[in-house]
Amino acid sequence: MKKSSRKSQLRPTSSMVKQAVFNILGDIEGKLFIDLFAGTGQMGFMAMERGAEVIFVEINKKFANLIRQKGGRVVSMDAIKFLETFESLPDIVFADPPYNYENYQKLIELSLKKLAKGGIFVLEHRKGQNFGAEKVKTYGDTALSIWRKEDDQGSVSGDL
């Protein structure tokens, strides 16, 4: 049986969902934006266009190199390992893991823990999955679960 390539698993975020994310985030100029599972880097580059400082996290070396060639700051490692070792407090974490991803709970827990106070975590996933976010927006077969970190103790809210 042929092993599926990472490229065939690449699921670029639709234009409608990209626009929705940035409408939800509002003004991000000067904010630290982490693009987990960056793929081709679409979301991170859109964040850069809006004035954010962006760190792309992409384990696939080919995609990481393509992002670097376009001028992106890339960390080529597993998203969970990145979150476990990253020292700064990002204002925004955007994650678009493969739909068959098996570590959602750890990803959510670490992303929320790492956010700066008032920071926003946006998780793109298949419609119909429930991760306990207070705010979920659905666009076709894609959903965005959204959390805002209320305080330094890790309290979160769905209010934006």
N, C-alpha and C. Protein backbone atom coordinates (compact mmCIF):
# COMPACT_ATOMS: atom_id res chain seq x y z
N MET A 1 0.85 -1.18 0.00
CA MET A 1 0.00 0.00 0.00
C MET A 1 0.89 1.24 0.00
N LYS A 2 0.53 2.21 -0.81
CA LYS A 2 1.29 3.44 -0.91
C LYS A 2 1.04 4.32 0.32
N LYS A 3 2.11 4.78 0.91
CA LYS A 3 1.99 5.67 2.07
C LYS A 3 1.58 7.05 1.58
N SER A 4 0.62 7.66 2.22
CA SER A 4 0.19 8.99 1.78
C SER A 4 1.25 10.01 2.13
N SER A 5 1.46 10.93 1.23
CA SER A 5 2.48 11.95 1.47
C SER A 5 1.90 13.07 2.31
N ARG A 6 2.76 13.85 2.91
CA ARG A 6 2.34 15.01 3.71
C ARG A 6 1.61 16.01 2.81
N LYS A 7 2.07 16.12 1.55
CA LYS A 7 1.44 17.07 0.65
C LYS A 7 -0.04 16.73 0.45
N SER A 8 -0.35 15.44 0.33
CA SER A 8 -1.76 15.07 0.14
C SER A 8 -2.57 15.33 1.41
N GLN A 9 -1.90 15.41 2.55
CA GLN A 9 -2.58 15.69 3.81
C GLN A 9 -2.72 17.19 4.05
N LEU A 10 -2.03 17.99 3.25
CA LEU A 10 -2.08 19.43 3.38
C LEU A 10 -3.49 19.91 3.07
N ARG A 11 -4.05 20.67 3.97
CA ARG A 11 -5.41 21.15 3.84
C ARG A 11 -5.38 22.66 3.98
N PRO A 12 -5.10 23.38 2.90
CA PRO A 12 -5.01 24.84 3.03
C PRO A 12 -6.31 25.42 3.56
N THR A 13 -6.17 26.41 4.41
CA THR A 13 -7.32 27.09 4.98
C THR A 13 -8.04 27.86 3.88
N SER A 14 -9.35 27.71 3.80
CA SER A 14 -10.11 28.39 2.75
C SER A 14 -10.07 29.90 2.96
N SER A 15 -10.28 30.62 1.88
CA SER A 15 -10.28 32.09 1.95
C SER A 15 -11.32 32.60 2.94
N MET A 16 -12.49 31.96 2.95
CA MET A 16 -13.56 32.37 3.86
C MET A 16 -13.11 32.21 5.32
N VAL A 17 -12.46 31.09 5.64
CA VAL A 17 -12.03 30.84 7.01
C VAL A 17 -10.88 31.78 7.38
N LYS A 18 -9.95 32.01 6.46
CA LYS A 18 -8.84 32.95 6.74
C LYS A 18 -9.40 34.33 7.07
N GLN A 19 -10.34 34.80 6.25
CA GLN A 19 -10.94 36.11 6.49
C GLN A 19 -11.65 36.14 7.83
N ALA A 20 -12.36 35.07 8.16
CA ALA A 20 -13.07 34.99 9.44
C ALA A 20 -12.10 35.08 10.61
N VAL A 21 -10.98 34.36 10.52
CA VAL A 21 -9.98 34.39 11.61
C VAL A 21 -9.51 35.81 11.85
N PHE A 22 -9.17 36.52 10.78
CA PHE A 22 -8.62 37.86 10.97
C PHE A 22 -9.70 38.87 11.35
N ASN A 23 -10.94 38.62 10.97
CA ASN A 23 -12.05 39.46 11.47
C ASN A 23 -12.22 39.25 12.97
N ILE A 24 -12.11 38.01 13.43
CA ILE A 24 -12.23 37.70 14.86
C ILE A 24 -11.08 38.34 15.64
N LEU A 25 -9.87 38.26 15.10
CA LEU A 25 -8.69 38.76 15.81
C LEU A 25 -8.64 40.28 15.86
N GLY A 26 -9.15 40.94 14.84
CA GLY A 26 -9.09 42.40 14.81
C GLY A 26 -7.67 42.88 14.55
N ASP A 27 -7.30 43.99 15.19
CA ASP A 27 -5.98 44.60 15.00
C ASP A 27 -4.92 43.75 15.69
N ILE A 28 -3.98 43.23 14.92
CA ILE A 28 -2.92 42.39 15.50
C ILE A 28 -1.54 43.01 15.33
N GLU A 29 -1.49 44.26 14.92
CA GLU A 29 -0.20 44.91 14.72
C GLU A 29 0.63 44.88 16.01
N GLY A 30 1.88 44.45 15.89
CA GLY A 30 2.78 44.38 17.03
C GLY A 30 2.58 43.16 17.92
N LYS A 31 1.63 42.32 17.62
CA LYS A 31 1.35 41.12 18.43
C LYS A 31 2.26 39.97 18.00
N LEU A 32 2.53 39.06 18.94
CA LEU A 32 3.28 37.84 18.64
C LEU A 32 2.28 36.75 18.25
N PHE A 33 2.38 36.27 17.02
CA PHE A 33 1.45 35.31 16.42
C PHE A 33 2.22 34.03 16.15
N ILE A 34 1.75 32.92 16.70
CA ILE A 34 2.36 31.61 16.45
C ILE A 34 1.45 30.85 15.50
N ASP A 35 2.02 30.40 14.38
CA ASP A 35 1.29 29.63 13.38
C ASP A 35 1.74 28.18 13.49
N LEU A 36 0.98 27.37 14.27
CA LEU A 36 1.32 25.96 14.46
C LEU A 36 0.79 25.14 13.29
N PHE A 37 1.55 24.11 12.90
CA PHE A 37 1.19 23.28 11.74
C PHE A 37 1.07 24.21 10.53
N ALA A 38 2.08 25.03 10.32
CA ALA A 38 2.03 26.13 9.35
C ALA A 38 1.80 25.70 7.91
N GLY A 39 2.24 24.50 7.53
CA GLY A 39 2.06 24.07 6.13
C GLY A 39 2.77 25.02 5.19
N THR A 40 2.02 25.68 4.32
CA THR A 40 2.62 26.62 3.37
C THR A 40 2.79 28.01 3.98
N GLY A 41 2.26 28.21 5.19
CA GLY A 41 2.44 29.48 5.90
C GLY A 41 1.42 30.55 5.60
N GLN A 42 0.32 30.19 4.93
CA GLN A 42 -0.68 31.19 4.54
C GLN A 42 -1.14 32.07 5.69
N MET A 43 -1.51 31.44 6.81
CA MET A 43 -2.05 32.21 7.93
C MET A 43 -0.99 33.13 8.53
N GLY A 44 0.19 32.61 8.70
CA GLY A 44 1.27 33.42 9.27
C GLY A 44 1.63 34.60 8.38
N PHE A 45 1.68 34.38 7.07
CA PHE A 45 2.00 35.48 6.17
C PHE A 45 0.90 36.54 6.17
N MET A 46 -0.35 36.11 6.29
CA MET A 46 -1.44 37.08 6.41
C MET A 46 -1.30 37.89 7.70
N ALA A 47 -0.87 37.21 8.77
CA ALA A 47 -0.65 37.91 10.04
C ALA A 47 0.50 38.92 9.90
N MET A 48 1.56 38.53 9.17
CA MET A 48 2.69 39.45 8.95
C MET A 48 2.24 40.67 8.17
N GLU A 49 1.38 40.46 7.16
CA GLU A 49 0.85 41.58 6.37
C GLU A 49 0.08 42.56 7.25
N ARG A 50 -0.47 42.05 8.35
CA ARG A 50 -1.24 42.89 9.27
C ARG A 50 -0.39 43.41 10.42
N GLY A 51 0.93 43.25 10.32
CA GLY A 51 1.84 43.85 11.29
C GLY A 51 2.23 43.00 12.48
N ALA A 52 1.85 41.74 12.50
CA ALA A 52 2.21 40.86 13.62
C ALA A 52 3.63 40.32 13.44
N GLU A 53 4.27 40.01 14.56
CA GLU A 53 5.52 39.26 14.55
C GLU A 53 5.11 37.79 14.53
N VAL A 54 5.61 37.03 13.57
CA VAL A 54 5.13 35.67 13.38
C VAL A 54 6.25 34.65 13.53
N ILE A 55 5.93 33.57 14.23
CA ILE A 55 6.79 32.39 14.27
C ILE A 55 5.98 31.25 13.66
N PHE A 56 6.52 30.68 12.60
CA PHE A 56 5.90 29.55 11.93
C PHE A 56 6.46 28.27 12.54
N VAL A 57 5.62 27.31 12.85
CA VAL A 57 6.06 26.02 13.37
C VAL A 57 5.59 24.96 12.39
N GLU A 58 6.54 24.32 11.73
CA GLU A 58 6.23 23.31 10.72
C GLU A 58 7.29 22.22 10.76
N ILE A 59 6.87 20.99 11.03
CA ILE A 59 7.79 19.87 11.17
C ILE A 59 8.32 19.38 9.82
N ASN A 60 7.54 19.56 8.74
CA ASN A 60 7.96 19.11 7.42
C ASN A 60 9.05 20.05 6.90
N LYS A 61 10.24 19.51 6.71
CA LYS A 61 11.40 20.34 6.33
C LYS A 61 11.19 21.04 4.99
N LYS A 62 10.54 20.37 4.04
CA LYS A 62 10.31 20.98 2.73
C LYS A 62 9.43 22.22 2.87
N PHE A 63 8.32 22.11 3.61
CA PHE A 63 7.45 23.26 3.81
C PHE A 63 8.15 24.34 4.64
N ALA A 64 8.90 23.93 5.65
CA ALA A 64 9.64 24.89 6.48
C ALA A 64 10.61 25.70 5.61
N ASN A 65 11.31 25.03 4.71
CA ASN A 65 12.26 25.72 3.82
C ASN A 65 11.54 26.68 2.88
N LEU A 66 10.37 26.28 2.38
CA LEU A 66 9.60 27.18 1.50
C LEU A 66 9.18 28.44 2.26
N ILE A 67 8.77 28.29 3.51
CA ILE A 67 8.39 29.45 4.32
C ILE A 67 9.61 30.34 4.55
N ARG A 68 10.76 29.74 4.86
CA ARG A 68 12.01 30.51 5.05
C ARG A 68 12.35 31.30 3.79
N GLN A 69 12.21 30.66 2.64
CA GLN A 69 12.53 31.33 1.37
C GLN A 69 11.64 32.54 1.13
N LYS A 70 10.45 32.53 1.68
CA LYS A 70 9.52 33.66 1.54
C LYS A 70 9.74 34.70 2.65
N GLY A 71 10.72 34.46 3.53
CA GLY A 71 11.05 35.44 4.57
C GLY A 71 10.44 35.17 5.93
N GLY A 72 9.90 33.98 6.14
CA GLY A 72 9.31 33.66 7.43
C GLY A 72 10.32 33.12 8.43
N ARG A 73 10.07 33.38 9.69
CA ARG A 73 10.88 32.83 10.79
C ARG A 73 10.27 31.49 11.18
N VAL A 74 10.99 30.40 10.90
CA VAL A 74 10.43 29.06 11.05
C VAL A 74 11.17 28.26 12.11
N VAL A 75 10.41 27.54 12.90
CA VAL A 75 10.94 26.53 13.80
C VAL A 75 10.45 25.20 13.24
N SER A 76 11.39 24.35 12.86
CA SER A 76 11.02 23.07 12.25
C SER A 76 11.04 21.99 13.32
N MET A 77 9.90 21.83 13.98
CA MET A 77 9.77 20.81 15.02
C MET A 77 8.30 20.52 15.28
N ASP A 78 8.06 19.49 16.04
CA ASP A 78 6.71 19.10 16.44
C ASP A 78 6.07 20.24 17.24
N ALA A 79 4.80 20.50 16.97
CA ALA A 79 4.09 21.61 17.64
C ALA A 79 4.05 21.45 19.15
N ILE A 80 3.82 20.25 19.64
CA ILE A 80 3.78 20.02 21.10
C ILE A 80 5.15 20.29 21.72
N LYS A 81 6.20 19.78 21.11
CA LYS A 81 7.56 20.04 21.63
C LYS A 81 7.87 21.52 21.61
N PHE A 82 7.45 22.20 20.56
CA PHE A 82 7.65 23.65 20.48
C PHE A 82 6.98 24.34 21.67
N LEU A 83 5.71 24.03 21.89
CA LEU A 83 4.97 24.67 22.99
C LEU A 83 5.59 24.35 24.35
N GLU A 84 6.10 23.14 24.51
CA GLU A 84 6.72 22.75 25.79
C GLU A 84 8.00 23.52 26.06
N THR A 85 8.69 23.96 25.01
CA THR A 85 10.00 24.60 25.19
C THR A 85 10.01 26.10 24.92
N PHE A 86 8.97 26.64 24.31
CA PHE A 86 8.93 28.05 23.94
C PHE A 86 8.82 28.90 25.20
N GLU A 87 9.66 29.93 25.30
CA GLU A 87 9.74 30.74 26.52
C GLU A 87 8.84 31.97 26.51
N SER A 88 8.60 32.57 25.36
CA SER A 88 7.82 33.80 25.29
C SER A 88 6.33 33.53 25.46
N LEU A 89 5.56 34.59 25.68
CA LEU A 89 4.11 34.48 25.82
C LEU A 89 3.46 35.09 24.59
N PRO A 90 3.00 34.26 23.66
CA PRO A 90 2.38 34.81 22.45
C PRO A 90 1.02 35.43 22.74
N ASP A 91 0.66 36.39 21.89
CA ASP A 91 -0.65 37.03 21.99
C ASP A 91 -1.70 36.19 21.27
N ILE A 92 -1.26 35.48 20.22
CA ILE A 92 -2.17 34.69 19.40
C ILE A 92 -1.49 33.38 19.04
N VAL A 93 -2.21 32.28 19.24
CA VAL A 93 -1.76 30.98 18.75
C VAL A 93 -2.85 30.49 17.81
N PHE A 94 -2.44 30.21 16.58
CA PHE A 94 -3.35 29.63 15.59
C PHE A 94 -2.84 28.23 15.29
N ALA A 95 -3.70 27.24 15.38
CA ALA A 95 -3.31 25.85 15.12
C ALA A 95 -4.27 25.22 14.13
N ASP A 96 -3.70 24.61 13.10
CA ASP A 96 -4.49 23.91 12.09
C ASP A 96 -3.88 22.52 11.88
N PRO A 97 -4.03 21.64 12.89
CA PRO A 97 -3.44 20.30 12.76
C PRO A 97 -4.20 19.47 11.73
N PRO A 98 -3.58 18.38 11.27
CA PRO A 98 -4.31 17.48 10.36
C PRO A 98 -5.60 17.01 11.03
N TYR A 99 -6.62 16.77 10.24
CA TYR A 99 -7.90 16.34 10.80
C TYR A 99 -7.79 15.04 11.59
N ASN A 100 -6.83 14.20 11.26
CA ASN A 100 -6.66 12.93 11.99
C ASN A 100 -5.70 13.07 13.17
N TYR A 101 -5.42 14.30 13.59
CA TYR A 101 -4.50 14.55 14.70
C TYR A 101 -5.00 13.87 15.98
N GLU A 102 -4.09 13.28 16.74
CA GLU A 102 -4.49 12.51 17.91
C GLU A 102 -4.20 13.18 19.24
N ASN A 103 -3.58 14.36 19.21
CA ASN A 103 -3.13 14.97 20.46
C ASN A 103 -3.80 16.33 20.71
N TYR A 104 -5.07 16.45 20.33
CA TYR A 104 -5.78 17.73 20.49
C TYR A 104 -5.77 18.25 21.92
N GLN A 105 -6.06 17.39 22.89
CA GLN A 105 -6.17 17.86 24.28
C GLN A 105 -4.85 18.46 24.77
N LYS A 106 -3.75 17.82 24.49
CA LYS A 106 -2.43 18.33 24.90
C LYS A 106 -2.14 19.65 24.16
N LEU A 107 -2.47 19.70 22.88
CA LEU A 107 -2.28 20.91 22.09
C LEU A 107 -3.06 22.08 22.68
N ILE A 108 -4.31 21.85 23.02
CA ILE A 108 -5.16 22.89 23.60
C ILE A 108 -4.62 23.33 24.96
N GLU A 109 -4.31 22.37 25.80
CA GLU A 109 -3.79 22.66 27.14
C GLU A 109 -2.52 23.51 27.08
N LEU A 110 -1.56 23.10 26.26
CA LEU A 110 -0.29 23.83 26.17
C LEU A 110 -0.47 25.20 25.52
N SER A 111 -1.30 25.28 24.49
CA SER A 111 -1.51 26.57 23.83
C SER A 111 -2.11 27.58 24.80
N LEU A 112 -3.11 27.16 25.57
CA LEU A 112 -3.74 28.06 26.54
C LEU A 112 -2.77 28.44 27.65
N LYS A 113 -1.96 27.50 28.09
CA LYS A 113 -0.98 27.77 29.14
C LYS A 113 0.06 28.80 28.70
N LYS A 114 0.47 28.74 27.43
CA LYS A 114 1.53 29.61 26.92
C LYS A 114 1.07 31.01 26.56
N LEU A 115 -0.22 31.22 26.35
CA LEU A 115 -0.72 32.54 25.93
C LEU A 115 -0.44 33.63 26.95
N ALA A 116 -0.21 34.83 26.45
CA ALA A 116 -0.14 36.01 27.32
C ALA A 116 -1.55 36.31 27.82
N LYS A 117 -1.65 37.05 28.91
CA LYS A 117 -2.96 37.47 29.43
C LYS A 117 -3.70 38.22 28.33
N GLY A 118 -4.96 37.85 28.11
CA GLY A 118 -5.75 38.46 27.05
C GLY A 118 -5.51 37.84 25.69
N GLY A 119 -4.60 36.85 25.62
CA GLY A 119 -4.26 36.21 24.36
C GLY A 119 -5.39 35.33 23.83
N ILE A 120 -5.31 35.05 22.54
CA ILE A 120 -6.36 34.28 21.86
C ILE A 120 -5.75 33.03 21.24
N PHE A 121 -6.44 31.91 21.44
CA PHE A 121 -6.07 30.65 20.80
C PHE A 121 -7.19 30.28 19.84
N VAL A 122 -6.83 30.05 18.57
CA VAL A 122 -7.79 29.64 17.55
C VAL A 122 -7.36 28.27 17.04
N LEU A 123 -8.27 27.31 17.13
CA LEU A 123 -8.04 25.95 16.66
C LEU A 123 -8.96 25.68 15.48
N GLU A 124 -8.36 25.40 14.32
CA GLU A 124 -9.14 25.02 13.15
C GLU A 124 -9.27 23.51 13.13
N HIS A 125 -10.48 23.02 12.93
CA HIS A 125 -10.71 21.57 12.95
C HIS A 125 -11.96 21.21 12.16
N ARG A 126 -12.20 19.94 12.07
CA ARG A 126 -13.38 19.43 11.36
C ARG A 126 -14.65 19.79 12.14
N LYS A 127 -15.67 20.19 11.42
CA LYS A 127 -16.97 20.48 12.02
C LYS A 127 -17.46 19.24 12.77
N GLY A 128 -18.12 19.44 13.88
CA GLY A 128 -18.69 18.33 14.64
C GLY A 128 -17.84 17.88 15.81
N GLN A 129 -16.59 18.33 15.87
CA GLN A 129 -15.75 18.01 17.02
C GLN A 129 -15.97 19.07 18.09
N ASN A 130 -15.98 18.64 19.36
CA ASN A 130 -16.21 19.56 20.47
C ASN A 130 -15.02 19.50 21.40
N PHE A 131 -14.33 20.65 21.55
CA PHE A 131 -13.16 20.71 22.42
C PHE A 131 -13.38 21.59 23.64
N GLY A 132 -14.63 21.98 23.89
CA GLY A 132 -14.95 22.73 25.09
C GLY A 132 -14.74 24.23 24.98
N ALA A 133 -14.50 24.74 23.79
CA ALA A 133 -14.37 26.19 23.63
C ALA A 133 -15.75 26.82 23.83
N GLU A 134 -15.76 28.01 24.41
CA GLU A 134 -17.04 28.68 24.61
C GLU A 134 -17.54 29.32 23.32
N LYS A 135 -16.62 29.52 22.37
CA LYS A 135 -17.04 30.10 21.09
C LYS A 135 -16.57 29.18 19.97
N VAL A 136 -17.50 28.75 19.11
CA VAL A 136 -17.19 27.92 17.96
C VAL A 136 -17.91 28.52 16.76
N LYS A 137 -17.16 28.75 15.69
CA LYS A 137 -17.73 29.27 14.44
C LYS A 137 -17.56 28.19 13.39
N THR A 138 -18.59 27.96 12.57
CA THR A 138 -18.55 26.91 11.55
C THR A 138 -18.65 27.53 10.17
N TYR A 139 -17.80 27.03 9.28
CA TYR A 139 -17.75 27.48 7.88
C TYR A 139 -17.67 26.23 7.01
N GLY A 140 -18.80 25.80 6.45
CA GLY A 140 -18.81 24.57 5.66
C GLY A 140 -18.46 23.39 6.54
N ASP A 141 -17.43 22.62 6.16
CA ASP A 141 -17.03 21.46 6.97
C ASP A 141 -15.92 21.79 7.95
N THR A 142 -15.59 23.08 8.06
CA THR A 142 -14.51 23.54 8.95
C THR A 142 -15.10 24.30 10.13
N ALA A 143 -14.50 24.11 11.29
CA ALA A 143 -14.90 24.86 12.49
C ALA A 143 -13.69 25.54 13.10
N LEU A 144 -13.94 26.65 13.75
CA LEU A 144 -12.93 27.36 14.52
C LEU A 144 -13.39 27.37 15.97
N SER A 145 -12.58 26.78 16.85
CA SER A 145 -12.82 26.87 18.29
C SER A 145 -11.91 27.97 18.81
N ILE A 146 -12.47 28.87 19.62
CA ILE A 146 -11.76 30.07 20.02
C ILE A 146 -11.81 30.24 21.53
N TRP A 147 -10.63 30.49 22.11
CA TRP A 147 -10.51 30.74 23.55
C TRP A 147 -9.75 32.05 23.74
N ARG A 148 -10.08 32.79 24.80
CA ARG A 148 -9.30 33.96 25.22
C ARG A 148 -8.82 33.70 26.64
N LYS A 149 -7.53 33.92 26.88
CA LYS A 149 -6.97 33.72 28.21
C LYS A 149 -7.27 34.96 29.05
N GLU A 150 -7.99 34.74 30.12
CA GLU A 150 -8.45 35.86 30.95
C GLU A 150 -7.39 36.40 31.90
N ASP A 151 -6.57 35.50 32.46
CA ASP A 151 -5.62 35.94 33.47
C ASP A 151 -4.37 35.06 33.45
N ASP A 152 -3.41 35.40 34.30
CA ASP A 152 -2.15 34.66 34.34
C ASP A 152 -2.28 33.29 34.96
N GLN A 153 -3.41 32.99 35.59
CA GLN A 153 -3.63 31.67 36.19
C GLN A 153 -4.19 30.69 35.16
N GLY A 154 -4.47 31.15 33.97
CA GLY A 154 -4.92 30.25 32.92
C GLY A 154 -6.42 30.19 32.72
N SER A 155 -7.18 31.05 33.41
CA SER A 155 -8.62 31.08 33.19
C SER A 155 -8.89 31.48 31.75
N VAL A 156 -9.85 30.80 31.13
CA VAL A 156 -10.15 31.10 29.73
C VAL A 156 -11.62 31.41 29.56
N SER A 157 -11.90 32.06 28.45
CA SER A 157 -13.26 32.45 28.15
C SER A 157 -13.49 32.33 26.65
N GLY A 158 -14.72 32.26 26.27
CA GLY A 158 -15.07 32.29 24.86
C GLY A 158 -15.41 33.70 24.39
N ASP A 159 -15.39 34.66 25.31
CA ASP A 159 -15.73 36.04 24.96
C ASP A 159 -14.59 36.70 24.21
N LEU A 160 -14.93 37.34 23.10
CA LEU A 160 -13.91 38.05 22.32
C LEU A 160 -14.25 39.51 22.20
